[in-house]
N, C-alpha and C. Protein backbone atom coordinates (compact mmCIF):
# COMPACT_ATOMS: atom_id res chain seq x y z
N UNK A 1 2.58 16.34 -2.59
CA UNK A 1 3.71 16.97 -3.23
C UNK A 1 4.20 16.08 -4.37
N UNK A 2 5.09 16.58 -5.14
CA UNK A 2 5.62 15.80 -6.26
C UNK A 2 7.10 15.46 -6.06
N UNK A 3 7.59 15.62 -4.84
CA UNK A 3 8.98 15.31 -4.58
C UNK A 3 9.16 13.80 -4.49
N UNK A 4 10.29 13.32 -4.96
CA UNK A 4 10.58 11.88 -4.90
C UNK A 4 10.84 11.48 -3.44
N UNK A 5 10.34 10.32 -3.07
CA UNK A 5 10.58 9.80 -1.72
C UNK A 5 11.90 9.02 -1.75
N UNK A 6 12.85 9.39 -0.90
CA UNK A 6 14.15 8.68 -0.93
C UNK A 6 14.03 7.27 -0.40
N UNK A 7 15.00 6.45 -0.77
CA UNK A 7 15.05 5.07 -0.28
C UNK A 7 15.73 5.04 1.07
N UNK A 8 15.38 4.15 1.95
CA UNK A 8 14.27 3.22 1.88
C UNK A 8 12.95 3.94 2.12
N UNK A 9 11.99 3.68 1.27
CA UNK A 9 10.73 4.41 1.30
C UNK A 9 9.99 4.25 2.62
N UNK A 10 10.07 3.09 3.26
CA UNK A 10 9.34 2.89 4.49
C UNK A 10 9.92 3.70 5.67
N UNK A 11 11.12 4.24 5.48
CA UNK A 11 11.70 5.08 6.51
C UNK A 11 11.22 6.54 6.38
N UNK A 12 10.94 6.99 5.18
CA UNK A 12 10.58 8.39 4.93
C UNK A 12 9.12 8.58 4.54
N UNK A 13 8.34 7.52 4.53
CA UNK A 13 6.94 7.62 4.15
C UNK A 13 6.16 6.50 4.79
N UNK A 14 4.85 6.56 4.65
CA UNK A 14 3.99 5.49 5.16
C UNK A 14 3.03 5.09 4.04
N UNK A 15 2.59 3.85 4.11
CA UNK A 15 1.70 3.29 3.11
C UNK A 15 0.27 3.54 3.53
N UNK A 16 -0.55 4.03 2.63
CA UNK A 16 -1.95 4.29 2.92
C UNK A 16 -2.81 3.24 2.23
N UNK A 17 -3.46 2.35 2.99
CA UNK A 17 -4.22 1.27 2.38
C UNK A 17 -5.51 1.72 1.71
N UNK A 18 -5.97 2.92 2.00
CA UNK A 18 -7.23 3.38 1.41
C UNK A 18 -7.09 3.70 -0.08
N UNK A 19 -5.99 4.34 -0.44
CA UNK A 19 -5.79 4.75 -1.83
C UNK A 19 -4.53 4.15 -2.45
N UNK A 20 -3.87 3.26 -1.72
CA UNK A 20 -2.67 2.55 -2.18
C UNK A 20 -1.59 3.54 -2.64
N UNK A 21 -1.30 4.51 -1.78
CA UNK A 21 -0.26 5.49 -2.06
C UNK A 21 0.76 5.50 -0.93
N UNK A 22 1.99 5.85 -1.26
CA UNK A 22 3.01 6.12 -0.27
C UNK A 22 2.92 7.62 0.03
N UNK A 23 2.77 7.97 1.29
CA UNK A 23 2.64 9.37 1.68
C UNK A 23 3.89 9.76 2.46
N UNK A 24 4.63 10.73 1.95
CA UNK A 24 5.85 11.14 2.63
C UNK A 24 5.49 11.76 3.99
N UNK A 25 6.41 11.63 4.93
CA UNK A 25 6.15 12.12 6.28
C UNK A 25 5.93 13.62 6.29
N UNK A 26 6.56 14.34 5.36
CA UNK A 26 6.37 15.78 5.28
C UNK A 26 4.94 16.14 4.92
N UNK A 27 4.37 15.43 3.95
CA UNK A 27 2.98 15.69 3.55
C UNK A 27 2.03 15.35 4.67
N UNK A 28 2.29 14.25 5.37
CA UNK A 28 1.45 13.85 6.49
C UNK A 28 1.51 14.87 7.60
N UNK A 29 2.71 15.38 7.91
CA UNK A 29 2.86 16.39 8.94
C UNK A 29 2.18 17.70 8.55
N UNK A 30 2.32 18.10 7.29
CA UNK A 30 1.67 19.33 6.82
C UNK A 30 0.16 19.22 6.92
N UNK A 31 -0.38 18.04 6.60
CA UNK A 31 -1.82 17.84 6.69
C UNK A 31 -2.28 17.89 8.16
N UNK A 32 -1.51 17.29 9.06
CA UNK A 32 -1.86 17.32 10.47
C UNK A 32 -1.81 18.73 11.03
N UNK A 33 -0.85 19.52 10.59
CA UNK A 33 -0.75 20.93 11.05
C UNK A 33 -1.97 21.74 10.61
N UNK A 34 -2.55 21.35 9.49
CA UNK A 34 -3.76 22.02 9.02
C UNK A 34 -5.03 21.47 9.66
N UNK A 35 -4.85 20.48 10.56
CA UNK A 35 -5.99 19.92 11.28
C UNK A 35 -6.62 18.73 10.59
N UNK A 36 -6.01 18.23 9.53
CA UNK A 36 -6.57 17.09 8.82
C UNK A 36 -5.90 15.82 9.30
N UNK A 37 -6.66 14.94 9.91
CA UNK A 37 -6.12 13.69 10.45
C UNK A 37 -6.43 12.50 9.56
N UNK A 38 -7.01 12.76 8.40
CA UNK A 38 -7.34 11.71 7.45
C UNK A 38 -6.24 11.60 6.40
N UNK A 39 -6.42 10.68 5.46
CA UNK A 39 -5.47 10.50 4.37
C UNK A 39 -5.37 11.80 3.54
N UNK A 40 -4.17 12.33 3.34
CA UNK A 40 -4.03 13.56 2.56
C UNK A 40 -4.45 13.41 1.10
N UNK A 41 -4.42 12.18 0.56
CA UNK A 41 -4.78 12.01 -0.85
C UNK A 41 -6.27 11.82 -1.06
N UNK A 42 -6.90 10.89 -0.31
CA UNK A 42 -8.30 10.57 -0.60
C UNK A 42 -9.26 11.00 0.52
N UNK A 43 -8.73 11.57 1.58
CA UNK A 43 -9.53 12.09 2.70
C UNK A 43 -10.28 11.02 3.47
N UNK A 44 -9.89 9.76 3.33
CA UNK A 44 -10.52 8.66 4.05
C UNK A 44 -9.89 8.57 5.44
N UNK A 45 -10.71 8.24 6.42
CA UNK A 45 -10.19 8.06 7.78
C UNK A 45 -9.28 6.86 7.82
N UNK A 46 -8.13 7.00 8.49
CA UNK A 46 -7.19 5.89 8.61
C UNK A 46 -7.80 4.76 9.42
N UNK A 47 -7.49 3.51 9.07
CA UNK A 47 -8.02 2.38 9.85
C UNK A 47 -7.39 2.32 11.24
N UNK A 48 -8.16 1.77 12.19
CA UNK A 48 -7.69 1.70 13.57
C UNK A 48 -7.03 0.38 13.91
N UNK A 49 -7.26 -0.65 13.10
CA UNK A 49 -6.71 -1.97 13.43
C UNK A 49 -6.40 -2.74 12.13
N UNK A 50 -5.80 -3.91 12.30
CA UNK A 50 -5.38 -4.72 11.16
C UNK A 50 -6.58 -5.16 10.32
N UNK A 51 -7.68 -5.51 10.98
CA UNK A 51 -8.87 -5.99 10.25
C UNK A 51 -9.42 -4.88 9.33
N UNK A 52 -9.47 -3.65 9.82
CA UNK A 52 -9.94 -2.53 9.00
C UNK A 52 -8.99 -2.26 7.84
N UNK A 53 -7.69 -2.38 8.11
CA UNK A 53 -6.69 -2.18 7.06
C UNK A 53 -6.88 -3.23 5.96
N UNK A 54 -7.06 -4.49 6.35
CA UNK A 54 -7.25 -5.55 5.39
C UNK A 54 -8.55 -5.38 4.61
N UNK A 55 -9.58 -4.88 5.27
CA UNK A 55 -10.86 -4.63 4.57
C UNK A 55 -10.69 -3.55 3.50
N UNK A 56 -9.95 -2.48 3.83
CA UNK A 56 -9.69 -1.42 2.84
C UNK A 56 -8.88 -1.96 1.68
N UNK A 57 -7.89 -2.77 2.01
CA UNK A 57 -7.03 -3.36 0.97
C UNK A 57 -7.83 -4.29 0.08
N UNK A 58 -8.73 -5.07 0.67
CA UNK A 58 -9.54 -6.00 -0.10
C UNK A 58 -10.46 -5.29 -1.09
N UNK A 59 -10.95 -4.12 -0.71
CA UNK A 59 -11.79 -3.33 -1.63
C UNK A 59 -10.99 -2.99 -2.89
N UNK A 60 -9.74 -2.56 -2.69
CA UNK A 60 -8.89 -2.22 -3.84
C UNK A 60 -8.51 -3.47 -4.64
N UNK A 61 -8.32 -4.59 -3.97
CA UNK A 61 -7.99 -5.85 -4.66
C UNK A 61 -9.14 -6.26 -5.56
N UNK A 62 -10.37 -6.13 -5.07
CA UNK A 62 -11.55 -6.49 -5.85
C UNK A 62 -11.69 -5.63 -7.10
N UNK A 63 -11.13 -4.41 -7.05
CA UNK A 63 -11.15 -3.52 -8.22
C UNK A 63 -9.97 -3.75 -9.15
N UNK A 64 -9.18 -4.82 -8.87
CA UNK A 64 -8.04 -5.23 -9.69
C UNK A 64 -6.93 -4.17 -9.72
N UNK A 65 -6.70 -3.52 -8.59
CA UNK A 65 -5.60 -2.57 -8.46
C UNK A 65 -4.31 -3.37 -8.29
N UNK A 66 -3.35 -3.28 -9.22
CA UNK A 66 -2.16 -4.10 -9.14
C UNK A 66 -1.31 -3.85 -7.90
N UNK A 67 -1.22 -2.61 -7.45
CA UNK A 67 -0.43 -2.32 -6.25
C UNK A 67 -1.11 -2.87 -4.99
N UNK A 68 -2.43 -2.85 -4.97
CA UNK A 68 -3.15 -3.42 -3.82
C UNK A 68 -2.96 -4.93 -3.78
N UNK A 69 -3.01 -5.57 -4.93
CA UNK A 69 -2.81 -7.03 -5.00
C UNK A 69 -1.38 -7.37 -4.58
N UNK A 70 -0.41 -6.57 -5.00
CA UNK A 70 0.96 -6.78 -4.60
C UNK A 70 1.13 -6.59 -3.09
N UNK A 71 0.48 -5.59 -2.54
CA UNK A 71 0.54 -5.33 -1.10
C UNK A 71 -0.09 -6.48 -0.32
N UNK A 72 -1.19 -7.01 -0.83
CA UNK A 72 -1.83 -8.17 -0.20
C UNK A 72 -0.87 -9.36 -0.22
N UNK A 73 -0.15 -9.52 -1.32
CA UNK A 73 0.84 -10.58 -1.41
C UNK A 73 1.92 -10.42 -0.35
N UNK A 74 2.37 -9.18 -0.12
CA UNK A 74 3.38 -8.93 0.91
C UNK A 74 2.84 -9.27 2.29
N UNK A 75 1.58 -8.93 2.54
CA UNK A 75 0.97 -9.26 3.83
C UNK A 75 0.87 -10.76 4.01
N UNK A 76 0.46 -11.46 2.97
CA UNK A 76 0.37 -12.93 3.02
C UNK A 76 1.74 -13.55 3.25
N UNK A 77 2.77 -12.98 2.62
CA UNK A 77 4.13 -13.48 2.79
C UNK A 77 4.60 -13.32 4.24
N UNK A 78 4.27 -12.18 4.83
CA UNK A 78 4.64 -11.93 6.22
C UNK A 78 3.90 -12.87 7.16
N UNK A 79 2.70 -13.31 6.76
CA UNK A 79 1.91 -14.24 7.56
C UNK A 79 2.28 -15.70 7.26
N UNK A 80 3.33 -15.89 6.48
CA UNK A 80 3.87 -17.22 6.14
C UNK A 80 2.96 -18.03 5.22
N UNK A 81 2.10 -17.37 4.45
CA UNK A 81 1.28 -18.04 3.46
C UNK A 81 1.92 -17.82 2.08
N UNK A 82 3.06 -18.46 1.86
CA UNK A 82 3.89 -18.19 0.68
C UNK A 82 3.20 -18.55 -0.63
N UNK A 83 2.44 -19.64 -0.63
CA UNK A 83 1.77 -20.07 -1.87
C UNK A 83 0.79 -19.01 -2.36
N UNK A 84 -0.04 -18.51 -1.46
CA UNK A 84 -1.00 -17.46 -1.85
C UNK A 84 -0.29 -16.15 -2.17
N UNK A 85 0.82 -15.86 -1.47
CA UNK A 85 1.57 -14.63 -1.74
C UNK A 85 2.10 -14.65 -3.16
N UNK A 86 2.67 -15.76 -3.56
CA UNK A 86 3.22 -15.87 -4.94
C UNK A 86 2.09 -15.74 -5.96
N UNK A 87 0.94 -16.32 -5.64
CA UNK A 87 -0.22 -16.22 -6.55
C UNK A 87 -0.66 -14.76 -6.69
N UNK A 88 -0.71 -14.04 -5.58
CA UNK A 88 -1.10 -12.61 -5.63
C UNK A 88 -0.07 -11.80 -6.41
N UNK A 89 1.21 -12.06 -6.16
CA UNK A 89 2.26 -11.33 -6.87
C UNK A 89 2.21 -11.61 -8.36
N UNK A 90 1.94 -12.86 -8.74
CA UNK A 90 1.86 -13.20 -10.16
C UNK A 90 0.69 -12.47 -10.82
N UNK A 91 -0.44 -12.39 -10.12
CA UNK A 91 -1.60 -11.67 -10.65
C UNK A 91 -1.29 -10.17 -10.79
N UNK A 92 -0.65 -9.61 -9.75
CA UNK A 92 -0.30 -8.20 -9.79
C UNK A 92 0.72 -7.90 -10.90
N UNK A 93 1.66 -8.83 -11.09
CA UNK A 93 2.66 -8.65 -12.16
C UNK A 93 1.98 -8.68 -13.52
N UNK A 94 0.99 -9.56 -13.70
CA UNK A 94 0.25 -9.60 -14.96
C UNK A 94 -0.50 -8.29 -15.23
N UNK A 95 -0.90 -7.61 -14.13
CA UNK A 95 -1.60 -6.35 -14.27
C UNK A 95 -0.66 -5.14 -14.37
N UNK A 96 0.68 -5.40 -14.24
CA UNK A 96 1.65 -4.34 -14.47
C UNK A 96 2.38 -3.82 -13.27
N UNK A 97 2.33 -4.52 -12.13
CA UNK A 97 3.02 -4.05 -10.94
C UNK A 97 4.51 -4.38 -10.99
N UNK A 98 5.33 -3.35 -10.95
CA UNK A 98 6.80 -3.55 -10.92
C UNK A 98 7.20 -4.13 -9.57
N UNK A 99 6.54 -3.70 -8.50
CA UNK A 99 6.85 -4.21 -7.15
C UNK A 99 6.61 -5.71 -7.09
N UNK A 100 5.53 -6.17 -7.70
CA UNK A 100 5.23 -7.61 -7.70
C UNK A 100 6.30 -8.37 -8.47
N UNK A 101 6.74 -7.81 -9.57
CA UNK A 101 7.81 -8.46 -10.35
C UNK A 101 9.09 -8.58 -9.49
N UNK A 102 9.41 -7.53 -8.75
CA UNK A 102 10.60 -7.56 -7.90
C UNK A 102 10.42 -8.60 -6.80
N UNK A 103 9.23 -8.70 -6.23
CA UNK A 103 8.99 -9.69 -5.18
C UNK A 103 9.08 -11.12 -5.72
N UNK A 104 8.69 -11.30 -6.97
CA UNK A 104 8.78 -12.63 -7.59
C UNK A 104 10.23 -12.96 -7.98
N UNK A 105 11.06 -11.95 -8.05
CA UNK A 105 12.44 -12.17 -8.44
C UNK A 105 12.65 -12.24 -9.93
N UNK A 106 11.71 -11.69 -10.68
CA UNK A 106 11.79 -11.72 -12.15
C UNK A 106 12.70 -10.60 -12.62
């Protein structure tokens, strides 16, 4: 859909690591009602564990996707690897990620 997701986004949507999109809960529910249990945007099967999620994210990082790099930075920050998180956010910010700029405090 093209409706704006209200803030806080993590309350009304979920992050899809396969295509680096926020999917509103309404779109996810509509897809499930139609029998589709995969990602509504890219039709990829959702990962079952953290390792699979990180592998999907790494594929997007290798393609220099700024939002994927920023998301990897957030994951590293949560894992207390602040030095690498800041490095990822700086790279994502150079590629144009507004989220990374906000995380850096710029």
